[in-house]
Amino acid sequence: MPVDRNQLQQKYEIIGESPVLKQALDKALQVAPTDITVLLNGETGVGKDVMARAIHDMSHRHEKKLVIVNCGAIPEGIIESELFGNEKGAYTDAHQSRMGYFEQADGGTIFLDEIVDTPKNVQVKLLRVLENGEFFRVGSSKSRTANVRVIAATNKDMWKCVENGDFREDLFYRINTVTISIPPLRERNGDILLIFNKFVSEFAQKYDSVFRGMSDEARQLLLSYRWPGNIRELRNVAEQLVVLEKSQFLNEDVLKKYLKGRQSLGSPDNLPMIYGEDDSRNNDFQSSQNHDIQLVYRALLDMKNDMSDMKRMMGTLFYNTFRSGNVPRSLPAPGSSGAQDAKSRKRPGGITDPSGISIGMAPYSNIDEEEDQNHPESRNDPDLSNSRYISQKDPDEPESLTDDQREVINLFDTDDLPSVEEVEKFLIRRALDKYKGNRRKAARILGMSERTLYRKIDQYEIL
């Protein structure tokens, strides 16, 4: 019996009335009765697994198995065996023959989540099984077949992976038959409160608690937050609020403690947003670079989370910019009319802003210099050893602009101030390019821990 969109949403508890969500659901209803290969594209936490289950349940294969495989979670050495099975003795510890996921899903559906993370040698065999259903178990020369409908999913730009050589182009065209884009939560602004209220109601009942509601400011914060973890993150926040803020009326300050990801309009880690003097998003800044950098200083002064990382990264940015000679060295403090002497604001530890807060602590600190001199790689790396002290360079010394410096100037030489997220991504990319992907060196020159760098790379999806 055909299912309409309302029935689909009710059955799978898909809440929302936004046009982008309805478009995705309508497309799922169209392709579900067929055997066509479907690619689900969407950020982490948007519910790709729910969509895959709904497509399977609405298909003529619903009485057979749905096998869910997270390709990114399977080690490279065993993923072929997991997908296609193995014969006894095919490798160490292969004490018996075993069916793979494709055999288990015979007659049903296999959901390949994060398919772009499969190794290149496995991608060749995926192409074969998608073309004609044929595959070989590991350690066997006997061809086997499986009648399987494939649903794949990714949270990455698959075509970029093809261009970078990480994903086969022929497999891309075979998988990308029908693409359903599942919208992120920030594009479903009208659905956020509906979903939040549902989660709160469920958890209040589960934990025998009472949710007293929230202020208008807290409600607005829920709507303006970027939700990088999407529905999964919203559910997590709702559960924490019910359990930890039991029977409390929530205000904006309380809610902020539970919002750990990127804030609205691309700002990272709850950093306050920067607008013009009239606080309007659409205000065209007609200001000089001097005024633009003052706005960056104001944002840095107001940061409450991840303060040290951002200061170090901005220090690297301003180091290159100051050397280019295109930015005034004497910046008036926010709210003041005069400029201080640049020397009174400069310390050996890095650039210091007008109010005395040092920007760029780790890359220019004596501690880091002493540590780097003792490190074998740093002794042979002029880029790590010579970028310590800004004061060694004559501020008025003429020099031609490098490509890096010109790119920094272009980043700020616009009518609209770039978001701090854009600055972060720019610096991380340049550092990784500079050291040919060496993340340890990139982390050290950016003044952050390797763990933080890995988190930022994942957060910004930097390949």
Protein backbone atom coordinates (compact mmCIF):
# COMPACT_ATOMS: atom_id res chain seq x y z
CA MET A 1 0.00 0.00 0.00
CA PRO A 2 1.50 3.39 -1.01
CA VAL A 3 2.68 5.65 1.80
CA ASP A 4 2.37 9.42 1.69
CA ARG A 5 4.75 11.92 3.25
CA ASN A 6 2.72 12.47 6.42
CA GLN A 7 2.57 8.74 7.11
CA LEU A 8 6.28 8.46 6.48
CA GLN A 9 7.06 11.25 8.94
CA GLN A 10 4.74 9.82 11.56
CA LYS A 11 6.11 6.28 11.28
CA TYR A 12 9.76 7.30 11.52
CA GLU A 13 9.22 10.31 13.80
CA ILE A 14 10.66 12.72 11.24
CA ILE A 15 9.54 16.09 12.55
CA GLY A 16 9.49 19.20 10.39
CA GLU A 17 7.60 21.24 7.84
CA SER A 18 10.49 22.98 6.09
CA PRO A 19 10.43 22.86 2.27
CA VAL A 20 13.95 21.38 2.03
CA LEU A 21 12.94 18.46 4.27
CA LYS A 22 9.73 17.85 2.34
CA GLN A 23 11.67 17.82 -0.92
CA ALA A 24 14.03 15.12 0.42
CA LEU A 25 11.14 13.01 1.72
CA ASP A 26 9.22 13.28 -1.55
CA LYS A 27 12.28 12.11 -3.47
CA ALA A 28 12.66 9.15 -1.08
CA LEU A 29 9.02 8.19 -1.69
CA GLN A 30 9.65 8.25 -5.45
CA VAL A 31 12.73 6.01 -5.47
CA ALA A 32 11.75 3.61 -2.66
CA PRO A 33 9.64 1.18 -4.78
CA THR A 34 12.46 0.78 -7.34
CA ASP A 35 15.83 -1.01 -7.19
CA ILE A 36 17.80 2.09 -8.21
CA THR A 37 21.00 2.86 -6.31
CA VAL A 38 20.56 5.83 -3.96
CA LEU A 39 23.21 8.17 -2.56
CA LEU A 40 22.28 10.00 0.64
CA ASN A 41 24.29 13.17 1.09
CA GLY A 42 24.26 15.14 4.32
CA GLU A 43 26.26 16.27 7.31
CA THR A 44 26.85 14.06 10.30
CA GLY A 45 23.82 13.71 12.54
CA VAL A 46 21.13 14.64 9.98
CA GLY A 47 19.55 11.17 10.00
CA LYS A 48 20.92 9.42 6.91
CA ASP A 49 20.43 6.03 8.60
CA VAL A 50 16.77 6.84 9.28
CA MET A 51 16.25 7.77 5.64
CA ALA A 52 17.93 4.54 4.47
CA ARG A 53 15.71 2.45 6.75
CA ALA A 54 12.61 4.25 5.49
CA ILE A 55 13.56 3.63 1.83
CA HIS A 56 14.14 -0.06 2.55
CA ASP A 57 10.86 -0.45 4.46
CA MET A 58 8.90 1.16 1.62
CA SER A 59 10.49 -1.06 -1.04
CA HIS A 60 9.43 -4.50 -2.24
CA ARG A 61 12.47 -5.84 -0.34
CA HIS A 62 11.07 -4.86 3.07
CA GLU A 63 10.57 -8.49 4.12
CA LYS A 64 14.28 -9.16 3.62
CA LYS A 65 17.24 -7.93 5.58
CA LEU A 66 18.62 -4.39 5.78
CA VAL A 67 22.35 -4.65 6.48
CA ILE A 68 23.97 -1.45 7.77
CA VAL A 69 27.73 -1.08 7.22
CA ASN A 70 29.82 1.86 8.46
CA CYS A 71 32.70 1.75 6.00
CA GLY A 72 34.72 4.33 7.93
CA ALA A 73 34.67 2.24 11.11
CA ILE A 74 36.10 -0.96 9.59
CA PRO A 75 39.93 -1.26 9.56
CA GLU A 76 41.41 -1.24 6.08
CA GLY A 77 42.97 -4.68 6.50
CA ILE A 78 39.67 -6.49 7.05
CA ILE A 79 37.07 -4.43 5.19
CA GLU A 80 37.22 -6.65 2.07
CA SER A 81 36.62 -9.75 4.20
CA GLU A 82 33.77 -8.02 6.05
CA LEU A 83 32.03 -6.97 2.84
CA PHE A 84 32.54 -10.08 0.71
CA GLY A 85 33.36 -12.86 3.19
CA ASN A 86 36.35 -15.21 3.29
CA GLU A 87 37.26 -18.84 2.88
CA LYS A 88 38.86 -20.97 5.57
CA GLY A 89 42.60 -20.35 5.73
CA ALA A 90 42.44 -17.21 3.59
CA TYR A 91 44.47 -15.38 6.23
CA THR A 92 45.71 -15.85 9.77
CA ASP A 93 42.90 -16.69 12.20
CA ALA A 94 40.50 -17.49 9.33
CA HIS A 95 39.55 -20.80 10.92
CA GLN A 96 36.35 -21.19 8.94
CA SER A 97 34.51 -19.85 5.90
CA ARG A 98 32.36 -16.82 6.58
CA MET A 99 29.69 -14.88 4.72
CA GLY A 100 30.22 -11.19 4.10
CA TYR A 101 27.68 -8.39 4.36
CA PHE A 102 26.66 -8.64 0.70
CA GLU A 103 25.77 -12.31 1.07
CA GLN A 104 23.88 -11.56 4.28
CA ALA A 105 21.87 -8.88 2.47
CA ASP A 106 20.98 -11.14 -0.49
CA GLY A 107 17.44 -10.29 -1.56
CA GLY A 108 17.41 -7.22 0.66
CA THR A 109 19.25 -3.91 1.00
CA ILE A 110 22.77 -2.98 2.05
CA PHE A 111 23.42 0.51 3.44
CA LEU A 112 27.05 1.59 2.93
CA ASP A 113 27.53 4.55 5.25
CA GLU A 114 30.59 6.79 4.69
CA ILE A 115 31.36 4.97 1.45
CA VAL A 116 34.12 7.41 0.47
CA ASP A 117 36.26 5.97 3.28
CA THR A 118 36.61 2.60 1.55
CA PRO A 119 40.15 1.79 0.29
CA LYS A 120 40.85 2.04 -3.43
CA ASN A 121 41.35 -1.72 -3.87
CA VAL A 122 37.92 -2.38 -2.32
CA GLN A 123 36.30 0.30 -4.50
CA VAL A 124 37.16 -1.78 -7.59
CA LYS A 125 35.28 -4.75 -6.15
CA LEU A 126 32.35 -2.57 -5.10
CA LEU A 127 32.05 -1.38 -8.70
CA ARG A 128 31.90 -5.00 -9.90
CA VAL A 129 29.19 -6.02 -7.44
CA LEU A 130 27.17 -2.91 -8.27
CA GLU A 131 27.43 -3.60 -12.01
CA ASN A 132 26.47 -7.27 -12.09
CA GLY A 133 26.13 -8.52 -8.52
CA GLU A 134 29.33 -10.61 -8.74
CA PHE A 135 32.03 -10.81 -6.08
CA PHE A 136 34.70 -13.14 -4.72
CA ARG A 137 35.25 -14.15 -1.15
CA VAL A 138 38.76 -13.48 0.14
CA GLY A 139 40.86 -16.55 -0.63
CA SER A 140 38.45 -17.95 -3.23
CA SER A 141 38.48 -18.02 -7.02
CA LYS A 142 34.82 -18.95 -7.23
CA SER A 143 32.52 -16.16 -8.37
CA ARG A 144 29.43 -15.59 -6.26
CA THR A 145 26.39 -13.39 -6.81
CA ALA A 146 24.07 -11.43 -4.56
CA ASN A 147 20.82 -9.69 -5.46
CA VAL A 148 21.22 -6.58 -3.35
CA ARG A 149 19.85 -3.04 -3.51
CA VAL A 150 22.56 -0.54 -2.53
CA ILE A 151 22.01 2.66 -0.58
CA ALA A 152 25.20 4.65 0.04
CA ALA A 153 25.80 7.71 2.20
CA THR A 154 28.49 10.32 2.73
CA ASN A 155 28.98 13.55 4.64
CA LYS A 156 31.73 14.71 2.27
CA ASP A 157 31.82 16.31 -1.16
CA MET A 158 32.23 13.11 -3.18
CA TRP A 159 33.32 14.89 -6.35
CA LYS A 160 36.15 16.60 -4.46
CA CYS A 161 37.24 13.16 -3.27
CA VAL A 162 37.28 12.07 -6.93
CA GLU A 163 39.37 15.10 -7.91
CA ASN A 164 41.79 14.42 -5.04
CA GLY A 165 42.21 10.82 -6.19
CA ASP A 166 40.62 9.34 -3.06
CA PHE A 167 37.58 7.92 -4.83
CA ARG A 168 37.22 6.21 -8.21
CA GLU A 169 35.42 8.27 -10.82
CA ASP A 170 33.69 5.24 -12.38
CA LEU A 171 32.37 4.17 -8.98
CA PHE A 172 31.18 7.72 -8.35
CA TYR A 173 29.03 7.67 -11.49
CA ARG A 174 27.68 4.24 -10.61
CA ILE A 175 26.66 5.26 -7.08
CA ASN A 176 25.48 8.76 -7.92
CA THR A 177 22.42 7.54 -9.82
CA VAL A 178 19.90 9.29 -7.59
CA THR A 179 21.12 11.66 -4.88
CA ILE A 180 18.97 12.70 -1.95
CA SER A 181 20.39 15.66 -0.05
CA ILE A 182 19.29 15.67 3.57
CA PRO A 183 19.36 19.27 4.84
CA PRO A 184 21.33 20.29 7.95
CA LEU A 185 19.38 21.54 10.93
CA ARG A 186 20.51 25.14 10.46
CA GLU A 187 18.64 25.19 7.12
CA ARG A 188 15.46 24.05 8.86
CA ASN A 189 15.14 26.97 11.24
CA GLY A 190 11.40 26.57 11.64
CA ASP A 191 11.79 22.93 12.70
CA ILE A 192 14.32 23.38 15.51
CA LEU A 193 11.88 24.24 18.28
CA LEU A 194 9.46 21.51 17.17
CA ILE A 195 12.18 18.87 17.36
CA PHE A 196 13.57 20.26 20.62
CA ASN A 197 10.16 20.21 22.30
CA LYS A 198 9.64 16.60 21.22
CA PHE A 199 12.98 15.51 22.67
CA VAL A 200 12.38 17.42 25.90
CA SER A 201 8.96 15.84 26.31
CA GLU A 202 10.37 12.33 25.74
CA PHE A 203 13.26 12.76 28.17
CA ALA A 204 11.09 14.41 30.83
CA GLN A 205 8.86 11.34 30.75
CA LYS A 206 11.81 8.94 30.66
CA TYR A 207 13.60 10.51 33.64
CA ASP A 208 10.45 11.48 35.56
CA SER A 209 11.40 15.14 35.37
CA VAL A 210 9.69 18.43 34.61
CA PHE A 211 10.82 20.93 32.02
CA ARG A 212 9.84 24.46 33.07
CA GLY A 213 10.47 26.15 29.73
CA MET A 214 12.95 28.81 28.66
CA SER A 215 13.28 32.53 28.14
CA ASP A 216 12.85 34.24 24.78
CA GLU A 217 16.61 34.89 24.68
CA ALA A 218 17.36 31.19 25.19
CA ARG A 219 14.84 30.27 22.53
CA GLN A 220 16.49 32.68 20.11
CA LEU A 221 19.88 31.17 20.90
CA LEU A 222 18.54 27.74 19.98
CA LEU A 223 17.48 29.14 16.60
CA SER A 224 20.72 31.03 15.87
CA TYR A 225 23.10 28.24 16.89
CA ARG A 226 24.69 26.43 13.92
CA TRP A 227 24.10 22.86 15.22
CA PRO A 228 27.23 21.27 13.69
CA GLY A 229 26.08 17.90 15.09
CA ASN A 230 22.57 18.51 13.73
CA ILE A 231 19.70 16.42 15.15
CA ARG A 232 22.07 14.15 17.07
CA GLU A 233 23.51 17.17 18.88
CA LEU A 234 20.08 18.71 19.51
CA ARG A 235 18.91 15.45 21.07
CA ASN A 236 22.00 15.34 23.27
CA VAL A 237 21.49 18.93 24.45
CA ALA A 238 17.81 18.29 25.23
CA GLU A 239 18.69 15.22 27.31
CA GLN A 240 21.37 17.08 29.27
CA LEU A 241 19.03 19.97 30.01
CA VAL A 242 16.30 17.66 31.32
CA VAL A 243 18.68 15.68 33.51
CA LEU A 244 21.09 18.37 34.76
CA GLU A 245 18.80 21.42 34.86
CA LYS A 246 15.86 19.54 36.33
CA SER A 247 12.80 21.70 37.01
CA GLN A 248 14.73 24.87 36.19
CA PHE A 249 13.53 27.68 33.95
CA LEU A 250 16.31 28.07 31.39
CA ASN A 251 17.88 31.38 30.46
CA GLU A 252 20.44 32.16 27.79
CA ASP A 253 23.48 31.82 30.07
CA VAL A 254 22.47 28.35 31.23
CA LEU A 255 21.82 27.17 27.68
CA LYS A 256 25.19 28.42 26.45
CA LYS A 257 26.96 25.91 28.69
CA TYR A 258 25.54 23.06 26.62
CA LEU A 259 26.24 24.46 23.15
CA LYS A 260 29.77 23.27 22.45
CA GLY A 261 30.04 23.53 18.67
CA ARG A 262 30.06 26.40 16.18
CA GLN A 263 27.87 29.42 16.80
CA SER A 264 25.64 31.06 14.20
CA LEU A 265 26.97 32.46 10.92
CA GLY A 266 30.10 30.33 10.91
CA SER A 267 31.71 31.52 14.13
CA PRO A 268 33.51 28.75 16.05
CA ASP A 269 32.98 27.68 19.64
CA ASN A 270 30.33 30.16 20.75
CA LEU A 271 32.35 33.18 19.67
CA PRO A 272 30.15 36.30 19.70
CA MET A 273 29.17 37.45 16.24
CA ILE A 274 30.55 40.71 14.81
CA TYR A 275 28.29 43.17 13.03
CA GLY A 276 28.53 46.81 12.11
CA GLU A 277 27.72 49.68 14.42
CA ASP A 278 23.99 49.14 13.89
CA ASP A 279 24.30 45.36 14.56
CA SER A 280 22.85 44.65 11.12
CA ARG A 281 23.92 41.58 9.17
CA ASN A 282 23.39 43.36 5.88
CA ASN A 283 25.42 46.42 6.77
CA ASP A 284 28.17 46.99 4.19
CA PHE A 285 31.40 47.84 5.97
CA GLN A 286 33.03 50.88 4.38
CA SER A 287 35.97 50.85 6.74
CA SER A 288 39.71 50.66 6.48
CA GLN A 289 41.84 47.64 7.33
CA ASN A 290 42.64 49.35 10.60
CA HIS A 291 38.95 49.35 11.57
CA ASP A 292 38.53 45.75 10.41
CA ILE A 293 41.35 44.53 12.63
CA GLN A 294 39.87 46.43 15.59
CA LEU A 295 36.72 44.34 15.13
CA VAL A 296 38.82 41.18 15.23
CA TYR A 297 40.39 42.42 18.46
CA ARG A 298 36.95 43.00 19.98
CA ALA A 299 35.94 39.46 19.09
CA LEU A 300 39.12 38.10 20.63
CA LEU A 301 38.50 40.04 23.82
CA ASP A 302 34.99 38.60 24.12
CA MET A 303 35.89 34.99 23.47
CA LYS A 304 34.90 32.62 26.25
CA ASN A 305 35.76 29.22 24.75
CA ASP A 306 38.95 27.95 23.16
CA MET A 307 40.64 31.25 23.90
CA SER A 308 44.23 30.10 23.75
CA ASP A 309 43.94 28.36 20.36
CA MET A 310 42.35 31.35 18.69
CA LYS A 311 44.92 33.79 20.08
CA ARG A 312 47.77 31.68 18.78
CA MET A 313 46.24 31.27 15.33
CA MET A 314 45.44 34.97 15.00
CA GLY A 315 49.01 35.70 16.07
CA THR A 316 50.27 33.75 13.08
CA LEU A 317 47.91 35.65 10.78
CA PHE A 318 48.91 39.10 12.07
CA TYR A 319 52.59 38.16 11.97
CA ASN A 320 52.44 37.65 8.19
CA THR A 321 50.19 40.67 7.72
CA PHE A 322 52.42 43.03 9.74
CA ARG A 323 55.48 41.91 7.81
CA SER A 324 53.82 42.82 4.54
CA GLY A 325 53.64 46.46 5.56
CA ASN A 326 49.97 46.79 4.60
CA VAL A 327 48.57 47.03 8.13
CA PRO A 328 49.22 49.91 10.55
CA ARG A 329 51.31 48.84 13.53
CA SER A 330 49.67 51.26 15.95
CA LEU A 331 46.04 50.32 16.58
CA PRO A 332 43.85 52.40 18.93
CA ALA A 333 42.09 50.49 21.65
CA PRO A 334 38.36 49.91 21.14
CA GLY A 335 36.58 53.00 22.33
CA SER A 336 39.70 55.19 22.49
CA SER A 337 40.70 57.99 20.12
CA GLY A 338 44.45 57.75 20.20
CA ALA A 339 47.05 55.17 19.33
CA GLN A 340 49.63 53.78 21.72
CA ASP A 341 53.26 53.40 20.92
CA ALA A 342 53.76 50.11 19.13
CA LYS A 343 56.79 49.31 21.25
CA SER A 344 54.81 49.67 24.49
CA ARG A 345 52.35 47.08 23.22
CA LYS A 346 54.91 44.56 21.98
CA ARG A 347 56.34 41.81 24.18
CA PRO A 348 58.84 39.06 23.34
CA GLY A 349 55.98 36.56 23.63
CA GLY A 350 54.12 37.87 20.60
CA ILE A 351 51.86 40.68 19.37
CA THR A 352 49.85 42.34 22.10
CA ASP A 353 46.55 44.08 21.54
CA PRO A 354 45.76 47.57 22.89
CA SER A 355 44.25 46.25 26.12
CA GLY A 356 47.30 44.15 26.97
CA ILE A 357 46.20 40.68 25.88
CA SER A 358 48.94 38.86 24.01
CA ILE A 359 47.98 37.53 20.60
CA GLY A 360 49.97 34.62 19.24
CA MET A 361 51.36 33.25 22.48
CA ALA A 362 52.67 29.79 21.62
CA PRO A 363 54.37 30.39 18.26
CA TYR A 364 56.48 33.27 19.67
CA SER A 365 57.06 32.25 23.27
CA ASN A 366 60.51 31.66 24.77
CA ILE A 367 59.29 28.32 26.08
CA ASP A 368 58.37 27.11 22.60
CA GLU A 369 61.64 28.41 21.17
CA GLU A 370 63.65 26.55 23.79
CA GLU A 371 61.60 23.39 23.21
CA ASP A 372 61.97 23.65 19.42
CA GLN A 373 65.74 24.09 19.61
CA ASN A 374 65.93 20.75 21.40
CA HIS A 375 63.78 19.01 18.82
CA PRO A 376 65.76 17.33 16.00
CA GLU A 377 63.33 18.40 13.26
CA SER A 378 63.30 22.03 14.38
CA ARG A 379 67.09 22.39 14.23
CA ASN A 380 66.94 21.73 10.49
CA ASP A 381 63.73 23.62 9.81
CA PRO A 382 64.31 27.35 9.20
CA ASP A 383 60.57 28.00 9.04
CA LEU A 384 60.09 26.76 12.61
CA SER A 385 63.17 28.47 14.06
CA ASN A 386 63.20 31.83 12.27
CA SER A 387 59.55 32.81 12.75
CA ARG A 388 59.87 33.34 16.51
CA TYR A 389 60.53 37.04 16.96
CA ILE A 390 58.70 39.73 15.09
CA SER A 391 61.04 42.32 16.59
CA GLN A 392 63.97 40.91 14.60
CA LYS A 393 62.45 42.37 11.43
CA ASP A 394 62.66 46.08 10.71
CA PRO A 395 59.00 47.19 10.48
CA ASP A 396 59.84 49.65 7.73
CA GLU A 397 62.02 47.27 5.75
CA PRO A 398 60.71 47.13 2.16
CA GLU A 399 60.17 43.65 0.78
CA SER A 400 58.06 42.14 -1.98
CA LEU A 401 54.90 40.34 -0.97
CA THR A 402 54.89 36.56 -0.95
CA ASP A 403 51.86 34.60 -2.14
CA ASP A 404 50.98 33.80 1.49
CA GLN A 405 51.11 37.47 2.51
CA ARG A 406 49.10 38.56 -0.52
CA GLU A 407 46.43 35.98 0.31
CA VAL A 408 46.24 37.30 3.89
CA ILE A 409 45.83 40.87 2.63
CA ASN A 410 43.13 39.78 0.16
CA LEU A 411 41.32 38.02 2.99
CA PHE A 412 40.88 41.35 4.79
CA ASP A 413 40.79 43.62 1.75
CA THR A 414 37.04 43.27 1.25
CA ASP A 415 33.97 45.23 2.18
CA ASP A 416 32.84 42.49 4.56
CA LEU A 417 35.01 41.25 7.40
CA PRO A 418 35.71 37.50 7.03
CA SER A 419 34.36 35.30 9.79
CA VAL A 420 36.81 33.89 12.31
CA GLU A 421 35.87 30.45 10.96
CA GLU A 422 37.19 31.50 7.53
CA VAL A 423 40.41 32.78 9.11
CA GLU A 424 40.86 29.51 11.00
CA LYS A 425 40.32 27.40 7.89
CA PHE A 426 42.71 29.61 5.90
CA LEU A 427 45.49 29.28 8.49
CA ILE A 428 45.08 25.54 8.90
CA ARG A 429 45.13 24.95 5.14
CA ARG A 430 48.23 27.14 4.68
CA ALA A 431 50.05 25.41 7.52
CA LEU A 432 49.23 21.95 6.15
CA ASP A 433 50.32 23.01 2.66
CA LYS A 434 53.52 24.52 4.02
CA TYR A 435 54.52 21.31 5.74
CA LYS A 436 53.09 18.96 3.08
CA GLY A 437 50.43 17.51 5.36
CA ASN A 438 52.68 17.05 8.42
CA ARG A 439 50.13 17.70 11.15
CA ARG A 440 52.62 17.76 14.00
CA LYS A 441 54.59 20.59 12.39
CA ALA A 442 51.40 22.39 11.37
CA ALA A 443 50.04 22.20 14.93
CA ARG A 444 53.26 23.60 16.38
CA ILE A 445 53.49 26.54 13.98
CA LEU A 446 49.80 27.32 14.62
CA GLY A 447 50.40 27.15 18.36
CA MET A 448 47.87 24.44 19.16
CA SER A 449 47.97 20.84 20.23
CA GLU A 450 47.82 18.08 17.62
CA ARG A 451 44.57 16.91 19.18
CA THR A 452 43.01 20.33 18.66
CA LEU A 453 44.28 20.46 15.08
CA TYR A 454 42.73 17.06 14.32
CA ARG A 455 39.44 18.30 15.78
CA LYS A 456 39.56 21.47 13.68
CA ILE A 457 40.37 19.51 10.50
CA ASP A 458 37.38 17.28 11.14
CA GLN A 459 35.16 20.22 12.09
CA TYR A 460 35.94 22.16 8.90
CA GLU A 461 36.16 19.01 6.72
CA ILE A 462 39.65 19.97 5.52
CA LEU A 463 41.02 17.16 3.36
